[in-house]
């Protein structure tokens, strides 16, 4: 009976998500504001499967409006969003339109001068999920930097942040820069992709050239009727292993497990909705298997025991550290629990050392507060909603 009540509660929450989201007018939908900026221009699109205006892809919409789209740039997971996390994405041609597709993942994370030749305007339209290690904001950084170097305008079509209702996590420290941690921000930043673009520009995070300061000529097409405290259920999954609102809400907390021996369910029907390992003790279990979106899952074909998070009643409004602290404490081989990726995801080595030292989640999170307050003050300068 309790399980049925949980399912009903979650269903009501998801219905609320959808009902509220219906009132939002996305940046991409406000065509009257940006089509005039694209007329008689050579246009490049930075997009993927989430770049939709209703049932029509942004590329198709612009072409039907007579806009001269000449090239598409795609981020991690590819233009159609089907590739594994970290998988090599090849350049190619869009079958529907015949447009060349340039991958911005792997060795070529930043558009080259040659790839941008002849382009007047770049339109960035990708659904983000509000976590520092979700690589679309890193792609945004490199696109803005390359555009600035080539005197190309950037238009960002804003979309909601499904985790925009809170800010949490350690600030990325100097020395821990990577593609999953480009900027000195917390794990959960609480900003839309448009607001984040303004911060990249305003904080001078894009590289300077020999003449000194370098900024992108950038315009954000804002949404209408959006509030960051509004629940938003994404109509299209932003990547293969974030299939629903539950997984997206759990992602900032569970992604830290990617730097450990714990599986977060890649290779199952519920990625980022449960976690486990062969050595944990639990009555709940799952078995990861190779498949679409997860070719080589952690602990493939091995039964993993752990925790099912699909039916928890409340959506997270903070990072849950208890899960990873408890998993570490249960690990029989603590010296191998963390791998080299963990510090990149955390943006610091302090979190790993605190867990090893036996600090509680509450004690660890208390050490984040000064950095979070400083970030929130900076963040105020760039908020649009």
Foldseek 3Di string as FASTA:
>chain_A
DVLVVLVVLVVVVVVQQVVLQVPKFWLLNPCVVCVVVQPPFAEEEEAALLCDDVPHHSVVVCVVVVGHHAAYEYEPCGRHFFAAGPDDDDWDADPVPRHTYHYLDDPNVADDPVNCPRGAEYEYEAFDQQFLQPQPLLSLLRDQLRCQVVVHEYEYTWDAHQLLLAAAAAFQDPPLDDSRHPHRGGGGHNAISQLSLVLCQVVQSRDDDPVGGTGGNYHYRHMPSDDSNRHHWRPQQRHDQRGTSQLSLQVSQCVLQVQFLKFQQAQHPHGSFWIFALQDDAPDWDAHAADTNRRDGRNHRHITHGDGRNRDNDRDRYHDPQRVLVVLVSDPCNVRGGHPCNCSNNSHCVVVVCSVVPHHPVRVRVVRVVVNVVSVVSSVVRHDD
